[in-house]
Amino acid sequence: MLTREGCRGRQSRFLAKLEEAEIAAAVISDPRDIYYLTGLLPEAAVTRYPSLLCVGPDLDSWLVTGAADGDALVDRRVAYPISEMATLNPDNHRRAAEKVVECARGETRFGRHPGRVGYQREALPYSFQRALAAEAPNTQWVEIDEILHGLQLLKDPDELDCIRRSIVATLAGYDRARETIRPGISELEVMTECQAAAQRRSGAVHFYNGDFRSGELGGFARNRPIERGELYIVDAWSDLDGYWCDMSRTWAVGGEPTDLQQSVYDHLAAILNAVPEMARVGRSTMDFWAELDARIREHPHLAESGLIHHGGHGIGLRAHEGPDLNRDRGGVFEVGTVFTCEPGGYSDALRRGVRVENLFHVTAEGTKVLSDYPLSLTA
């Protein structure tokens, strides 16, 4: 879980950015970003409830939420009931908006001197915007998505701890995959066995799924028996304590890869092992993608196709964050960047292909592997 100390530091940096942009207050409505700033973990999908956090350089912070449990680093927390006798309310946005109005009228002075107010373009519900605009009709609304995204590019120690726990769960799933994958077992059974192993290791119920199709580039598991000789890419995603892990390993079903399969696998594994030297502080991630593609094309079988997808991505609160490791969009590696790298190559002759992926952390001493796990085509 995120710590109060970490949240306090993130709030301080966020408030400094707001002051620099002359934004008097910001309303945060995405539950992941509320967690990032306050430590209140997002809700489970089954009991989803709307929440709104308001912060500003000269304001007391307040949070309207349906969460009954959990600590939040705010000056004032206002709750509303999300259910009646364990039945979810059908109008929780209306209930939350009523509390938002009360807070905007209150001691925070939001309604009296709002000035420029930041909002999340990708997340603010209309009910909240309407409630706030009624209390502050002369407000100038300013998008703050990019401010938050910029702060989230660099991870704090408590964020790294959450990512590491998510990695541990994912690796437990891989241990089970190596025991389970055999000709005739269904993809669905492989996935559920891996999911159970991950949750046993973490001791929590959390998301665990991903690409579990054998003989394919990707896709969710099917009720289909896997076949001897196929390459089985298991690109597993875990979300634990609000932070993601995304890793890939590839195994030859039946444990007897062809010479071509082994050759391509060895080539891509060597590229993955070279990532710490390739991901240098200040380097463009688009330039990184270009080198990744060029290295993949050095294998004769992949010379024409190269890298047909992104080379990886930032990861943290969301499975895909900046910076992109992409041909067409990117950023730069900085101290504090956490990213995945996933070289891959695919063809019918390979019985679809190989993808291997690890998580990395850029530090002042160099780029470190966060998800150390054996690279082997045979289980």
Protein backbone atom coordinates (compact mmCIF):
# COMPACT_ATOMS: atom_id res chain seq x y z
CA MET A 1 0.00 0.00 0.00
CA LEU A 2 1.06 3.60 -0.51
CA THR A 3 2.36 5.35 2.62
CA ARG A 4 1.26 8.64 4.18
CA GLU A 5 4.80 9.94 3.80
CA GLY A 6 4.77 9.14 0.10
CA CYS A 7 1.33 10.69 -0.41
CA ARG A 8 2.40 13.82 1.46
CA GLY A 9 5.38 14.24 -0.87
CA ARG A 10 3.22 13.71 -3.96
CA GLN A 11 0.63 16.21 -2.76
CA SER A 12 3.37 18.76 -2.13
CA ARG A 13 4.79 18.36 -5.64
CA PHE A 14 1.31 18.50 -7.17
CA LEU A 15 0.40 21.67 -5.27
CA ALA A 16 3.64 23.29 -6.41
CA LYS A 17 2.72 22.50 -10.03
CA LEU A 18 -0.74 24.01 -9.52
CA GLU A 19 0.72 27.18 -8.03
CA GLU A 20 3.18 27.45 -10.90
CA ALA A 21 0.26 27.19 -13.34
CA GLU A 22 -1.82 29.71 -11.32
CA ILE A 23 -4.50 27.10 -10.64
CA ALA A 24 -6.34 27.88 -7.40
CA ALA A 25 -7.86 24.43 -6.93
CA ALA A 26 -7.94 21.04 -8.62
CA VAL A 27 -10.63 18.38 -8.51
CA ILE A 28 -9.44 14.79 -8.92
CA SER A 29 -12.07 12.25 -9.92
CA ASP A 30 -10.13 9.23 -11.19
CA PRO A 31 -9.91 6.73 -8.28
CA ARG A 32 -6.33 5.77 -9.23
CA ASP A 33 -5.19 9.37 -8.93
CA ILE A 34 -7.07 9.86 -5.67
CA TYR A 35 -5.15 6.85 -4.38
CA TYR A 36 -1.87 8.32 -5.69
CA LEU A 37 -2.39 11.52 -3.68
CA THR A 38 -4.23 10.29 -0.57
CA GLY A 39 -3.51 6.58 -0.14
CA LEU A 40 -7.19 5.57 -0.35
CA LEU A 41 -7.11 2.41 -2.49
CA PRO A 42 -9.50 2.26 -5.48
CA GLU A 43 -12.74 0.42 -5.06
CA ALA A 44 -13.46 -3.09 -6.27
CA ALA A 45 -15.31 -3.24 -9.57
CA VAL A 46 -18.41 -4.79 -7.97
CA THR A 47 -18.90 -1.96 -5.46
CA ARG A 48 -17.79 0.95 -7.64
CA TYR A 49 -18.62 4.37 -6.24
CA PRO A 50 -17.83 7.90 -7.47
CA SER A 51 -15.36 10.01 -5.49
CA LEU A 52 -13.99 13.54 -5.77
CA LEU A 53 -10.86 15.01 -4.20
CA CYS A 54 -10.32 18.78 -4.06
CA VAL A 55 -6.91 20.28 -3.30
CA GLY A 56 -5.33 23.68 -3.83
CA PRO A 57 -2.27 25.68 -2.76
CA ASP A 58 -4.35 27.79 -0.32
CA LEU A 59 -7.25 25.43 0.38
CA ASP A 60 -8.03 22.76 2.94
CA SER A 61 -8.27 19.48 1.07
CA TRP A 62 -11.53 17.53 1.03
CA LEU A 63 -12.62 14.18 -0.28
CA VAL A 64 -16.14 13.03 -1.05
CA THR A 65 -16.20 9.24 -1.24
CA GLY A 66 -18.37 6.20 -0.77
CA ALA A 67 -15.47 4.30 0.78
CA ALA A 68 -16.34 3.31 4.31
CA ASP A 69 -12.90 1.93 5.16
CA GLY A 70 -9.31 2.97 4.55
CA ASP A 71 -7.22 5.97 5.53
CA ALA A 72 -6.92 9.05 3.32
CA LEU A 73 -4.47 11.94 3.65
CA VAL A 74 -6.97 14.84 3.51
CA ASP A 75 -8.11 17.60 5.85
CA ARG A 76 -11.79 16.67 5.54
CA ARG A 77 -13.43 13.44 4.43
CA VAL A 78 -17.15 13.32 3.65
CA ALA A 79 -18.80 9.96 3.10
CA TYR A 80 -22.14 9.01 1.58
CA PRO A 81 -23.87 5.61 1.72
CA ILE A 82 -23.34 3.54 -1.43
CA SER A 83 -25.98 0.95 -0.52
CA GLU A 84 -29.15 0.28 1.44
CA MET A 85 -29.09 -2.97 3.44
CA ALA A 86 -26.28 -4.29 1.19
CA THR A 87 -28.05 -3.39 -2.09
CA LEU A 88 -26.07 -0.90 -4.16
CA ASN A 89 -27.80 2.42 -4.73
CA PRO A 90 -28.71 3.20 -8.35
CA ASP A 91 -28.01 6.94 -7.88
CA ASN A 92 -24.59 7.19 -6.24
CA HIS A 93 -23.46 9.95 -8.61
CA ARG A 94 -26.37 12.08 -7.44
CA ARG A 95 -25.62 11.32 -3.80
CA ALA A 96 -21.94 12.14 -4.25
CA ALA A 97 -22.74 15.37 -6.15
CA GLU A 98 -24.90 16.58 -3.24
CA LYS A 99 -21.94 16.16 -0.91
CA VAL A 100 -19.68 17.92 -3.41
CA VAL A 101 -21.99 20.95 -3.29
CA GLU A 102 -21.83 20.98 0.52
CA CYS A 103 -18.04 20.91 0.47
CA ALA A 104 -17.74 23.57 -2.23
CA ARG A 105 -19.91 25.89 -0.10
CA GLY A 106 -17.99 25.18 3.06
CA GLU A 107 -14.84 26.26 4.78
CA THR A 108 -12.57 25.53 1.82
CA ARG A 109 -13.58 28.87 0.17
CA PHE A 110 -13.82 27.03 -3.15
CA GLY A 111 -17.04 28.80 -4.13
CA ARG A 112 -15.95 32.30 -3.08
CA HIS A 113 -12.59 32.57 -4.82
CA PRO A 114 -12.28 29.72 -7.29
CA GLY A 115 -10.21 31.41 -10.02
CA ARG A 116 -8.77 28.79 -12.34
CA VAL A 117 -9.84 25.26 -11.38
CA GLY A 118 -8.08 22.17 -12.66
CA TYR A 119 -10.05 19.10 -13.72
CA GLN A 120 -9.35 15.72 -15.28
CA ARG A 121 -10.43 15.79 -18.90
CA GLU A 122 -10.49 11.98 -19.03
CA ALA A 123 -12.35 11.38 -15.77
CA LEU A 124 -14.62 14.18 -14.47
CA PRO A 125 -18.30 13.09 -14.40
CA TYR A 126 -20.82 15.62 -15.67
CA SER A 127 -22.72 15.47 -12.37
CA PHE A 128 -19.65 16.73 -10.49
CA GLN A 129 -18.83 19.41 -13.05
CA ARG A 130 -22.40 20.70 -12.94
CA ALA A 131 -22.42 20.77 -9.13
CA LEU A 132 -19.14 22.65 -8.96
CA ALA A 133 -20.05 25.11 -11.72
CA ALA A 134 -23.26 26.01 -9.90
CA GLU A 135 -21.25 27.02 -6.83
CA ALA A 136 -18.59 28.88 -8.81
CA PRO A 137 -20.19 30.09 -12.07
CA ASN A 138 -17.22 32.24 -13.13
CA THR A 139 -14.71 29.44 -12.87
CA GLN A 140 -12.17 29.00 -15.63
CA TRP A 141 -11.73 25.24 -16.09
CA VAL A 142 -8.18 24.05 -16.87
CA GLU A 143 -7.15 20.52 -17.88
CA ILE A 144 -4.61 18.98 -15.49
CA ASP A 145 -4.26 15.48 -16.93
CA GLU A 146 -0.78 16.21 -18.26
CA ILE A 147 0.38 17.64 -14.91
CA LEU A 148 -0.54 14.41 -13.15
CA HIS A 149 0.87 12.23 -15.92
CA GLY A 150 4.16 14.12 -15.71
CA LEU A 151 4.43 13.58 -11.96
CA GLN A 152 3.60 9.89 -12.32
CA LEU A 153 6.44 9.27 -14.78
CA LEU A 154 8.86 9.00 -11.84
CA LYS A 155 8.12 6.51 -9.09
CA ASP A 156 8.53 7.02 -5.33
CA PRO A 157 9.85 4.27 -3.01
CA ASP A 158 6.37 3.28 -1.79
CA GLU A 159 5.20 2.97 -5.40
CA LEU A 160 8.15 0.71 -6.16
CA ASP A 161 7.22 -1.46 -3.18
CA CYS A 162 3.70 -1.91 -4.60
CA ILE A 163 5.11 -2.78 -8.03
CA ARG A 164 7.49 -5.32 -6.49
CA ARG A 165 4.62 -7.06 -4.68
CA SER A 166 2.73 -7.24 -7.95
CA ILE A 167 5.81 -8.76 -9.58
CA VAL A 168 6.09 -11.41 -6.85
CA ALA A 169 2.49 -12.45 -7.51
CA THR A 170 3.09 -12.62 -11.26
CA LEU A 171 6.20 -14.76 -10.81
CA ALA A 172 4.25 -17.20 -8.67
CA GLY A 173 1.90 -17.55 -11.62
CA TYR A 174 4.86 -18.29 -13.89
CA ASP A 175 6.10 -20.99 -11.53
CA ARG A 176 2.70 -22.63 -11.86
CA ALA A 177 2.66 -22.18 -15.65
CA ARG A 178 5.90 -24.14 -15.96
CA GLU A 179 4.33 -26.98 -13.95
CA THR A 180 1.03 -26.90 -15.83
CA ILE A 181 1.73 -26.36 -19.54
CA ARG A 182 1.51 -29.65 -21.41
CA PRO A 183 -0.16 -30.84 -24.62
CA GLY A 184 -3.92 -31.25 -24.21
CA ILE A 185 -4.51 -28.92 -21.27
CA SER A 186 -6.82 -26.01 -22.06
CA GLU A 187 -5.64 -22.43 -22.14
CA LEU A 188 -8.38 -21.59 -19.66
CA GLU A 189 -7.07 -24.14 -17.18
CA VAL A 190 -3.53 -22.80 -17.51
CA MET A 191 -4.76 -19.27 -16.82
CA THR A 192 -6.87 -20.23 -13.80
CA GLU A 193 -4.04 -22.31 -12.30
CA CYS A 194 -1.67 -19.33 -12.68
CA GLN A 195 -4.24 -16.94 -11.25
CA ALA A 196 -4.76 -19.12 -8.19
CA ALA A 197 -1.00 -19.40 -7.62
CA ALA A 198 -0.57 -15.63 -7.88
CA GLN A 199 -3.32 -14.92 -5.38
CA ARG A 200 -2.08 -17.57 -2.97
CA ARG A 201 1.33 -15.89 -3.03
CA SER A 202 -0.04 -12.38 -2.58
CA GLY A 203 -2.66 -13.41 -0.02
CA ALA A 204 -5.19 -11.15 -1.70
CA VAL A 205 -7.91 -11.15 -4.33
CA HIS A 206 -6.68 -9.05 -7.25
CA PHE A 207 -6.66 -8.86 -11.02
CA TYR A 208 -4.51 -11.49 -12.74
CA ASN A 209 -5.00 -12.26 -16.43
CA GLY A 210 -3.47 -11.34 -19.78
CA ASP A 211 -2.47 -13.04 -23.02
CA PHE A 212 -2.97 -16.78 -22.49
CA ARG A 213 -3.49 -18.08 -26.04
CA SER A 214 -1.14 -20.75 -27.29
CA GLY A 215 0.01 -20.60 -30.91
CA GLU A 216 -1.21 -16.98 -31.17
CA LEU A 217 0.25 -13.49 -30.76
CA GLY A 218 -2.08 -12.81 -27.83
CA GLY A 219 -5.60 -12.74 -26.41
CA PHE A 220 -7.48 -13.98 -23.36
CA ALA A 221 -7.56 -17.72 -22.69
CA ARG A 222 -9.97 -19.93 -24.60
CA ASN A 223 -11.45 -23.29 -23.71
CA ARG A 224 -9.09 -24.83 -26.26
CA PRO A 225 -6.52 -27.60 -25.76
CA ILE A 226 -2.96 -26.47 -26.44
CA GLU A 227 -1.01 -28.48 -29.01
CA ARG A 228 2.45 -30.02 -29.00
CA GLY A 229 4.93 -27.91 -30.91
CA GLU A 230 3.14 -24.60 -30.44
CA LEU A 231 4.87 -21.66 -28.80
CA TYR A 232 2.86 -20.50 -25.81
CA ILE A 233 3.26 -16.81 -24.96
CA VAL A 234 2.05 -16.07 -21.44
CA ASP A 235 1.90 -12.29 -21.11
CA ALA A 236 0.55 -11.97 -17.57
CA TRP A 237 -0.78 -8.81 -15.94
CA SER A 238 -1.24 -8.39 -12.18
CA ASP A 239 -2.74 -5.44 -10.31
CA LEU A 240 -1.89 -5.55 -6.60
CA ASP A 241 -2.07 -2.69 -4.07
CA GLY A 242 -3.18 -0.47 -6.95
CA TYR A 243 -0.01 -1.02 -9.04
CA TRP A 244 0.59 -3.18 -12.08
CA CYS A 245 3.06 -5.77 -13.26
CA ASP A 246 3.22 -6.82 -16.93
CA MET A 247 5.61 -9.62 -17.96
CA SER A 248 5.95 -12.11 -20.81
CA ARG A 249 7.53 -15.51 -21.07
CA THR A 250 7.29 -18.05 -23.89
CA TRP A 251 7.39 -21.84 -23.63
CA ALA A 252 7.46 -24.61 -26.25
CA VAL A 253 4.47 -26.88 -25.66
CA GLY A 254 5.83 -30.40 -25.17
CA GLY A 255 9.32 -29.16 -24.32
CA GLU A 256 10.92 -29.97 -27.69
CA PRO A 257 11.41 -26.71 -29.62
CA THR A 258 12.52 -26.75 -33.24
CA ASP A 259 15.89 -25.32 -34.19
CA LEU A 260 14.15 -22.23 -35.60
CA GLN A 261 12.09 -21.69 -32.45
CA GLN A 262 15.16 -22.01 -30.24
CA SER A 263 17.24 -19.72 -32.44
CA VAL A 264 14.64 -16.95 -32.47
CA TYR A 265 14.08 -17.33 -28.72
CA ASP A 266 17.81 -17.06 -27.96
CA HIS A 267 18.06 -13.96 -30.15
CA LEU A 268 15.17 -12.16 -28.43
CA ALA A 269 16.28 -13.21 -24.94
CA ALA A 270 19.72 -11.72 -25.64
CA ILE A 271 18.09 -8.44 -26.65
CA LEU A 272 16.03 -8.38 -23.45
CA ASN A 273 19.19 -8.96 -21.42
CA ALA A 274 20.81 -5.97 -23.17
CA VAL A 275 18.07 -3.53 -22.18
CA PRO A 276 19.90 -2.12 -19.10
CA GLU A 277 22.70 -0.91 -21.39
CA MET A 278 20.26 0.40 -24.03
CA ALA A 279 17.96 2.36 -21.66
CA ARG A 280 20.21 5.27 -20.75
CA VAL A 281 19.12 8.37 -18.83
CA GLY A 282 18.11 11.08 -21.30
CA ARG A 283 17.67 8.74 -24.25
CA SER A 284 14.58 9.09 -26.41
CA THR A 285 12.27 6.11 -26.09
CA MET A 286 11.41 6.39 -29.79
CA ASP A 287 15.13 6.05 -30.53
CA PHE A 288 15.18 3.07 -28.18
CA TRP A 289 12.32 1.47 -30.15
CA ALA A 290 14.25 1.97 -33.39
CA GLU A 291 17.32 0.19 -31.96
CA LEU A 292 15.11 -2.61 -30.61
CA ASP A 293 13.56 -3.07 -34.05
CA ALA A 294 16.98 -3.04 -35.74
CA ARG A 295 18.37 -5.64 -33.34
CA ILE A 296 15.37 -7.91 -33.89
CA ARG A 297 15.86 -7.68 -37.67
CA GLU A 298 19.42 -9.01 -37.28
CA HIS A 299 17.92 -12.50 -37.09
CA PRO A 300 17.36 -13.73 -40.68
CA HIS A 301 13.90 -15.07 -39.90
CA LEU A 302 12.77 -11.68 -38.56
CA ALA A 303 14.60 -9.45 -41.04
CA GLU A 304 11.44 -8.51 -42.95
CA SER A 305 8.93 -8.27 -40.10
CA GLY A 306 10.98 -6.69 -37.33
CA LEU A 307 9.06 -5.46 -34.29
CA ILE A 308 5.36 -5.27 -35.14
CA HIS A 309 4.18 -3.67 -31.87
CA HIS A 310 5.41 -1.31 -29.20
CA GLY A 311 8.68 -2.10 -27.50
CA GLY A 312 7.20 -1.67 -24.05
CA HIS A 313 5.70 1.09 -21.93
CA GLY A 314 5.81 2.83 -18.61
CA ILE A 315 3.92 1.05 -15.86
CA GLY A 316 2.60 1.90 -12.41
CA LEU A 317 -0.90 2.97 -11.38
CA ARG A 318 -1.97 1.90 -14.85
CA ALA A 319 -0.83 -1.00 -16.98
CA HIS A 320 0.21 1.45 -19.71
CA GLU A 321 1.76 4.76 -18.67
CA GLY A 322 4.36 7.08 -20.11
CA PRO A 323 6.89 6.98 -21.46
CA ASP A 324 5.83 4.96 -24.49
CA LEU A 325 8.49 2.78 -26.10
CA ASN A 326 6.90 3.24 -29.47
CA ARG A 327 7.76 3.97 -33.08
CA ASP A 328 5.29 6.85 -33.26
CA ARG A 329 5.09 8.29 -29.74
CA GLY A 330 7.52 8.45 -26.86
CA GLY A 331 9.39 10.36 -24.19
CA VAL A 332 12.75 10.01 -22.49
CA PHE A 333 14.24 7.74 -19.85
CA GLU A 334 14.71 9.57 -16.54
CA VAL A 335 15.94 8.57 -13.11
CA GLY A 336 12.79 7.12 -11.53
CA THR A 337 11.27 5.72 -14.73
CA VAL A 338 9.74 2.25 -14.40
CA PHE A 339 9.02 0.55 -17.71
CA THR A 340 8.54 -2.77 -19.43
CA CYS A 341 10.41 -3.93 -22.51
CA GLU A 342 8.97 -6.71 -24.68
CA PRO A 343 10.87 -7.70 -27.83
CA GLY A 344 8.87 -10.12 -29.95
CA GLY A 345 8.91 -11.96 -33.26
CA TYR A 346 6.10 -13.91 -34.93
CA SER A 347 5.45 -16.17 -37.94
CA ASP A 348 3.53 -19.25 -39.00
CA ALA A 349 6.82 -21.16 -39.20
CA LEU A 350 7.37 -20.45 -35.50
CA ARG A 351 3.85 -21.65 -34.78
CA ARG A 352 3.18 -18.05 -33.97
CA GLY A 353 6.09 -16.60 -32.04
CA VAL A 354 8.17 -15.49 -29.11
CA ARG A 355 7.73 -12.55 -26.75
CA VAL A 356 9.79 -12.00 -23.61
CA GLU A 357 9.23 -9.08 -21.25
CA ASN A 358 10.66 -7.72 -18.01
CA LEU A 359 10.16 -4.66 -15.83
CA PHE A 360 13.03 -2.20 -15.38
CA HIS A 361 13.82 0.73 -13.10
CA VAL A 362 16.05 3.60 -14.22
CA THR A 363 18.30 4.74 -11.35
CA ALA A 364 21.24 7.11 -11.02
CA GLU A 365 23.49 4.03 -11.00
CA GLY A 366 21.96 2.56 -14.15
CA THR A 367 18.90 0.62 -15.28
CA LYS A 368 18.00 -2.33 -13.05
CA VAL A 369 15.86 -5.40 -13.75
CA LEU A 370 12.91 -5.56 -11.34
CA SER A 371 11.46 -8.87 -12.53
CA ASP A 372 14.35 -11.31 -12.52
CA TYR A 373 13.09 -14.70 -13.73
CA PRO A 374 14.62 -17.50 -15.83
CA LEU A 375 14.62 -17.07 -19.59
CA SER A 376 14.11 -20.55 -21.01
CA LEU A 377 12.01 -21.90 -23.86
CA THR A 378 11.50 -25.18 -22.03
CA ALA A 379 9.72 -25.41 -18.70
